């Protein structure tokens, strides 16, 4: 599955805050936290600092797509953040189905 070829620009305008945040493309991956199976969003290349960041995607019981949207950047640039956008919705849907998340 080649997800990057399907990337579609998404408007990041946040009318409530009057700010325009950059897009951070994220992949969903499984991980273990204290021995429990969880999922997290991985930003391979931050649009602010070019580093890699991880964001929680729930406790493994809810659909992690509900947690996409504006997030604070972990690069610690004051007053900045980005909008998490699913890089590969097809792969995410498959993982969500496999894990039985709702």
N, C-alpha and C. Protein backbone atom coordinates (compact mmCIF):
# COMPACT_ATOMS: atom_id res chain seq x y z
N UNK A 1 0.85 -1.17 0.00
CA UNK A 1 0.00 0.00 0.00
C UNK A 1 0.90 1.23 0.00
N UNK A 2 0.79 2.06 -1.00
CA UNK A 2 1.58 3.28 -1.08
C UNK A 2 0.70 4.45 -0.67
N UNK A 3 0.81 4.84 0.58
CA UNK A 3 -0.09 5.86 1.12
C UNK A 3 0.32 7.27 0.72
N UNK A 4 1.61 7.51 0.59
CA UNK A 4 2.04 8.87 0.35
C UNK A 4 1.58 9.41 -1.00
N UNK A 5 1.27 8.54 -1.94
CA UNK A 5 0.82 9.03 -3.24
C UNK A 5 -0.62 9.52 -3.18
N UNK A 6 -1.33 9.19 -2.10
CA UNK A 6 -2.73 9.57 -1.96
C UNK A 6 -2.93 10.79 -1.08
N UNK A 7 -1.87 11.49 -0.73
CA UNK A 7 -2.00 12.62 0.17
C UNK A 7 -2.75 13.76 -0.49
N UNK A 8 -3.74 14.24 0.20
CA UNK A 8 -4.55 15.34 -0.29
C UNK A 8 -4.40 16.50 0.68
N UNK A 9 -4.10 17.69 0.19
CA UNK A 9 -3.98 18.82 1.11
C UNK A 9 -5.27 19.03 1.90
N UNK A 10 -5.12 19.39 3.16
CA UNK A 10 -6.25 19.62 4.03
C UNK A 10 -6.14 21.04 4.58
N UNK A 11 -7.23 21.76 4.57
CA UNK A 11 -7.21 23.10 5.14
C UNK A 11 -6.98 22.99 6.64
N UNK A 12 -6.06 23.79 7.14
CA UNK A 12 -5.77 23.76 8.57
C UNK A 12 -6.24 25.03 9.26
N UNK A 13 -7.06 25.81 8.61
CA UNK A 13 -7.50 27.05 9.21
C UNK A 13 -8.34 26.76 10.44
N UNK A 14 -7.96 27.38 11.54
CA UNK A 14 -8.66 27.21 12.80
C UNK A 14 -9.37 28.54 13.09
N UNK A 15 -10.63 28.64 12.69
CA UNK A 15 -11.35 29.90 12.82
C UNK A 15 -11.49 30.34 14.27
N UNK A 16 -11.59 29.38 15.19
CA UNK A 16 -11.75 29.74 16.59
C UNK A 16 -10.54 30.47 17.15
N UNK A 17 -9.34 30.07 16.77
CA UNK A 17 -8.13 30.68 17.31
C UNK A 17 -7.56 31.73 16.37
N UNK A 18 -8.08 31.82 15.15
CA UNK A 18 -7.58 32.78 14.19
C UNK A 18 -6.16 32.48 13.74
N UNK A 19 -5.76 31.23 13.82
CA UNK A 19 -4.39 30.84 13.45
C UNK A 19 -4.44 29.76 12.38
N UNK A 20 -3.40 29.70 11.59
CA UNK A 20 -3.28 28.67 10.57
C UNK A 20 -2.12 27.77 10.97
N UNK A 21 -2.41 26.52 11.30
CA UNK A 21 -1.40 25.58 11.76
C UNK A 21 -0.94 24.68 10.63
N UNK A 22 0.33 24.31 10.61
CA UNK A 22 0.82 23.40 9.57
C UNK A 22 0.27 21.99 9.77
N UNK A 23 0.32 21.23 8.70
CA UNK A 23 -0.12 19.84 8.74
C UNK A 23 1.04 18.95 9.15
N UNK A 24 0.76 18.02 10.05
CA UNK A 24 1.73 17.00 10.44
C UNK A 24 1.13 15.65 10.03
N UNK A 25 1.71 15.04 9.01
CA UNK A 25 1.22 13.74 8.55
C UNK A 25 1.64 12.68 9.56
N UNK A 26 0.70 11.84 9.95
CA UNK A 26 0.96 10.86 11.01
C UNK A 26 0.52 9.46 10.59
N UNK A 27 1.30 8.48 11.04
CA UNK A 27 0.99 7.07 10.84
C UNK A 27 0.56 6.48 12.18
N UNK A 28 -0.44 5.61 12.15
CA UNK A 28 -0.87 4.91 13.36
C UNK A 28 -0.05 3.66 13.52
N UNK A 29 0.43 3.41 14.75
CA UNK A 29 1.17 2.18 15.01
C UNK A 29 0.78 1.62 16.37
N UNK A 30 0.93 0.31 16.49
CA UNK A 30 0.70 -0.35 17.77
C UNK A 30 1.93 -0.16 18.65
N UNK A 31 1.71 -0.11 19.95
CA UNK A 31 2.82 -0.03 20.88
C UNK A 31 2.36 -0.64 22.21
N UNK A 32 3.30 -0.84 23.09
CA UNK A 32 2.97 -1.34 24.43
C UNK A 32 3.33 -0.28 25.45
N UNK A 33 2.40 -0.05 26.36
CA UNK A 33 2.62 0.87 27.46
C UNK A 33 2.37 0.09 28.75
N UNK A 34 3.45 -0.06 29.53
CA UNK A 34 3.36 -0.86 30.77
C UNK A 34 2.74 -2.23 30.51
N UNK A 35 3.12 -2.82 29.38
CA UNK A 35 2.66 -4.16 29.03
C UNK A 35 1.31 -4.24 28.35
N UNK A 36 0.60 -3.12 28.25
CA UNK A 36 -0.71 -3.11 27.61
C UNK A 36 -0.60 -2.64 26.17
N UNK A 37 -1.37 -3.29 25.29
CA UNK A 37 -1.38 -2.91 23.88
C UNK A 37 -2.12 -1.59 23.70
N UNK A 38 -1.47 -0.65 23.05
CA UNK A 38 -2.04 0.67 22.77
C UNK A 38 -1.74 1.04 21.32
N UNK A 39 -2.19 2.20 20.91
CA UNK A 39 -1.84 2.74 19.61
C UNK A 39 -1.36 4.17 19.80
N UNK A 40 -0.54 4.63 18.86
CA UNK A 40 -0.06 6.01 18.91
C UNK A 40 0.11 6.53 17.50
N UNK A 41 0.03 7.84 17.38
CA UNK A 41 0.27 8.51 16.11
C UNK A 41 1.74 8.89 16.05
N UNK A 42 2.40 8.55 14.95
CA UNK A 42 3.81 8.85 14.77
C UNK A 42 3.94 9.91 13.68
N UNK A 43 4.52 11.04 14.05
CA UNK A 43 4.84 12.10 13.10
C UNK A 43 6.31 11.89 12.76
N UNK A 44 6.59 11.39 11.57
CA UNK A 44 7.97 11.08 11.18
C UNK A 44 8.80 12.32 10.92
N UNK A 45 8.13 13.39 10.44
CA UNK A 45 8.86 14.63 10.18
C UNK A 45 7.98 15.81 10.57
N UNK A 46 8.29 16.39 11.71
CA UNK A 46 7.54 17.52 12.22
C UNK A 46 7.66 18.70 11.26
N UNK A 47 6.54 19.36 10.93
CA UNK A 47 6.59 20.51 10.03
C UNK A 47 7.22 21.75 10.68
N UNK A 48 7.48 21.68 11.97
CA UNK A 48 8.07 22.82 12.68
C UNK A 48 9.57 22.62 12.89
N UNK A 49 9.97 21.45 13.41
CA UNK A 49 11.38 21.24 13.75
C UNK A 49 12.04 20.13 12.94
N UNK A 50 11.29 19.42 12.11
CA UNK A 50 11.77 18.30 11.28
C UNK A 50 12.14 17.07 12.10
N UNK A 51 11.82 17.08 13.39
CA UNK A 51 12.08 15.91 14.23
C UNK A 51 10.93 14.92 14.18
N UNK A 52 11.08 13.82 14.92
CA UNK A 52 10.04 12.80 15.00
C UNK A 52 9.34 12.93 16.35
N UNK A 53 8.00 12.84 16.33
CA UNK A 53 7.22 12.95 17.56
C UNK A 53 6.18 11.83 17.61
N UNK A 54 5.75 11.50 18.82
CA UNK A 54 4.71 10.51 19.04
C UNK A 54 3.59 11.16 19.83
N UNK A 55 2.36 10.84 19.44
CA UNK A 55 1.19 11.36 20.15
C UNK A 55 0.28 10.20 20.50
N UNK A 56 -0.27 10.24 21.69
CA UNK A 56 -1.20 9.21 22.12
C UNK A 56 -2.40 9.14 21.20
N UNK A 57 -2.89 7.93 21.01
CA UNK A 57 -4.05 7.73 20.14
C UNK A 57 -5.12 6.93 20.86
N UNK A 58 -5.17 7.10 22.16
CA UNK A 58 -6.20 6.42 22.94
C UNK A 58 -5.65 5.25 23.72
N UNK A 59 -6.54 4.63 24.44
CA UNK A 59 -6.16 3.55 25.34
C UNK A 59 -6.31 2.17 24.71
N UNK A 60 -6.46 2.13 23.39
CA UNK A 60 -6.65 0.84 22.73
C UNK A 60 -8.09 0.37 22.77
N UNK A 61 -9.00 1.23 23.22
CA UNK A 61 -10.42 0.87 23.30
C UNK A 61 -11.30 1.79 22.46
N UNK A 62 -10.74 2.93 22.01
CA UNK A 62 -11.51 3.89 21.21
C UNK A 62 -10.87 4.04 19.84
N UNK A 63 -11.63 4.53 18.90
CA UNK A 63 -11.13 4.74 17.55
C UNK A 63 -10.13 5.91 17.58
N UNK A 64 -8.87 5.66 17.25
CA UNK A 64 -7.85 6.71 17.33
C UNK A 64 -8.06 7.86 16.34
N UNK A 65 -8.88 7.65 15.33
CA UNK A 65 -9.16 8.73 14.38
C UNK A 65 -9.91 9.88 15.04
N UNK A 66 -10.56 9.60 16.18
CA UNK A 66 -11.25 10.65 16.93
C UNK A 66 -10.26 11.63 17.54
N UNK A 67 -9.00 11.23 17.64
CA UNK A 67 -7.98 12.05 18.29
C UNK A 67 -7.08 12.78 17.31
N UNK A 68 -7.44 12.76 16.04
CA UNK A 68 -6.72 13.57 15.05
C UNK A 68 -7.16 15.03 15.20
N UNK A 69 -6.38 15.93 14.68
CA UNK A 69 -6.72 17.34 14.77
C UNK A 69 -5.56 18.10 15.38
N UNK A 70 -5.84 19.26 15.95
CA UNK A 70 -4.77 20.11 16.49
C UNK A 70 -4.12 19.46 17.70
N UNK A 71 -2.80 19.48 17.70
CA UNK A 71 -1.99 19.00 18.83
C UNK A 71 -0.86 19.98 19.07
N UNK A 72 -0.42 20.05 20.30
CA UNK A 72 0.77 20.84 20.63
C UNK A 72 1.98 20.11 20.06
N UNK A 73 2.87 20.85 19.45
CA UNK A 73 4.10 20.24 18.96
C UNK A 73 5.01 19.86 20.12
N UNK A 74 5.64 18.72 20.03
CA UNK A 74 6.54 18.28 21.10
C UNK A 74 7.92 18.90 20.97
N UNK A 75 8.12 19.74 19.98
CA UNK A 75 9.42 20.38 19.79
C UNK A 75 9.56 21.61 20.68
N UNK A 76 8.53 21.92 21.43
CA UNK A 76 8.56 22.97 22.44
C UNK A 76 8.77 24.37 21.88
N UNK A 77 8.27 24.62 20.71
CA UNK A 77 8.28 25.97 20.16
C UNK A 77 7.06 26.67 20.75
N UNK A 78 7.25 27.77 21.49
CA UNK A 78 6.13 28.43 22.16
C UNK A 78 5.00 28.82 21.19
N UNK A 79 3.80 28.59 21.65
CA UNK A 79 2.59 28.99 20.92
C UNK A 79 2.46 28.34 19.55
N UNK A 80 3.07 27.20 19.34
CA UNK A 80 2.96 26.53 18.04
C UNK A 80 2.39 25.13 18.25
N UNK A 81 1.83 24.66 17.21
CA UNK A 81 1.30 23.31 17.19
C UNK A 81 1.07 22.95 15.74
N UNK A 82 0.41 21.86 15.52
CA UNK A 82 0.11 21.44 14.17
C UNK A 82 -1.17 20.62 14.18
N UNK A 83 -1.63 20.32 12.99
CA UNK A 83 -2.84 19.52 12.84
C UNK A 83 -2.42 18.13 12.40
N UNK A 84 -2.72 17.13 13.24
CA UNK A 84 -2.42 15.73 12.88
C UNK A 84 -3.41 15.29 11.81
N UNK A 85 -2.88 14.77 10.72
CA UNK A 85 -3.69 14.24 9.62
C UNK A 85 -3.20 12.83 9.33
N UNK A 86 -4.13 11.91 9.20
CA UNK A 86 -3.81 10.50 8.93
C UNK A 86 -3.14 10.37 7.57
N UNK A 87 -1.92 9.86 7.57
CA UNK A 87 -1.16 9.71 6.33
C UNK A 87 -1.70 8.57 5.46
N UNK A 88 -2.28 7.57 6.08
CA UNK A 88 -2.74 6.41 5.33
C UNK A 88 -4.08 5.89 5.91
N UNK A 89 -5.18 6.54 5.55
CA UNK A 89 -6.47 6.15 6.12
C UNK A 89 -6.83 4.68 5.90
N UNK A 90 -6.41 4.10 4.77
CA UNK A 90 -6.73 2.70 4.51
C UNK A 90 -6.03 1.79 5.52
N UNK A 91 -4.76 2.04 5.78
CA UNK A 91 -4.00 1.23 6.74
C UNK A 91 -4.56 1.44 8.15
N UNK A 92 -4.92 2.68 8.47
CA UNK A 92 -5.50 2.97 9.79
C UNK A 92 -6.81 2.22 9.96
N UNK A 93 -7.67 2.25 8.95
CA UNK A 93 -8.95 1.54 9.02
C UNK A 93 -8.74 0.05 9.24
N UNK A 94 -7.74 -0.50 8.57
CA UNK A 94 -7.44 -1.93 8.73
C UNK A 94 -6.98 -2.22 10.16
N UNK A 95 -6.10 -1.41 10.71
CA UNK A 95 -5.61 -1.61 12.06
C UNK A 95 -6.73 -1.43 13.09
N UNK A 96 -7.57 -0.43 12.89
CA UNK A 96 -8.71 -0.19 13.78
C UNK A 96 -9.63 -1.41 13.79
N UNK A 97 -9.90 -1.96 12.60
CA UNK A 97 -10.76 -3.15 12.50
C UNK A 97 -10.13 -4.36 13.17
N UNK A 98 -8.82 -4.57 12.93
CA UNK A 98 -8.12 -5.70 13.53
C UNK A 98 -8.15 -5.65 15.06
N UNK A 99 -8.05 -4.45 15.61
CA UNK A 99 -8.03 -4.28 17.06
C UNK A 99 -9.42 -4.16 17.67
N UNK A 100 -10.44 -4.06 16.83
CA UNK A 100 -11.82 -3.96 17.32
C UNK A 100 -12.10 -2.65 18.03
N UNK A 101 -11.48 -1.57 17.56
CA UNK A 101 -11.68 -0.26 18.19
C UNK A 101 -12.95 0.38 17.67
N UNK A 102 -13.60 1.19 18.51
CA UNK A 102 -14.83 1.86 18.10
C UNK A 102 -14.73 3.34 18.35
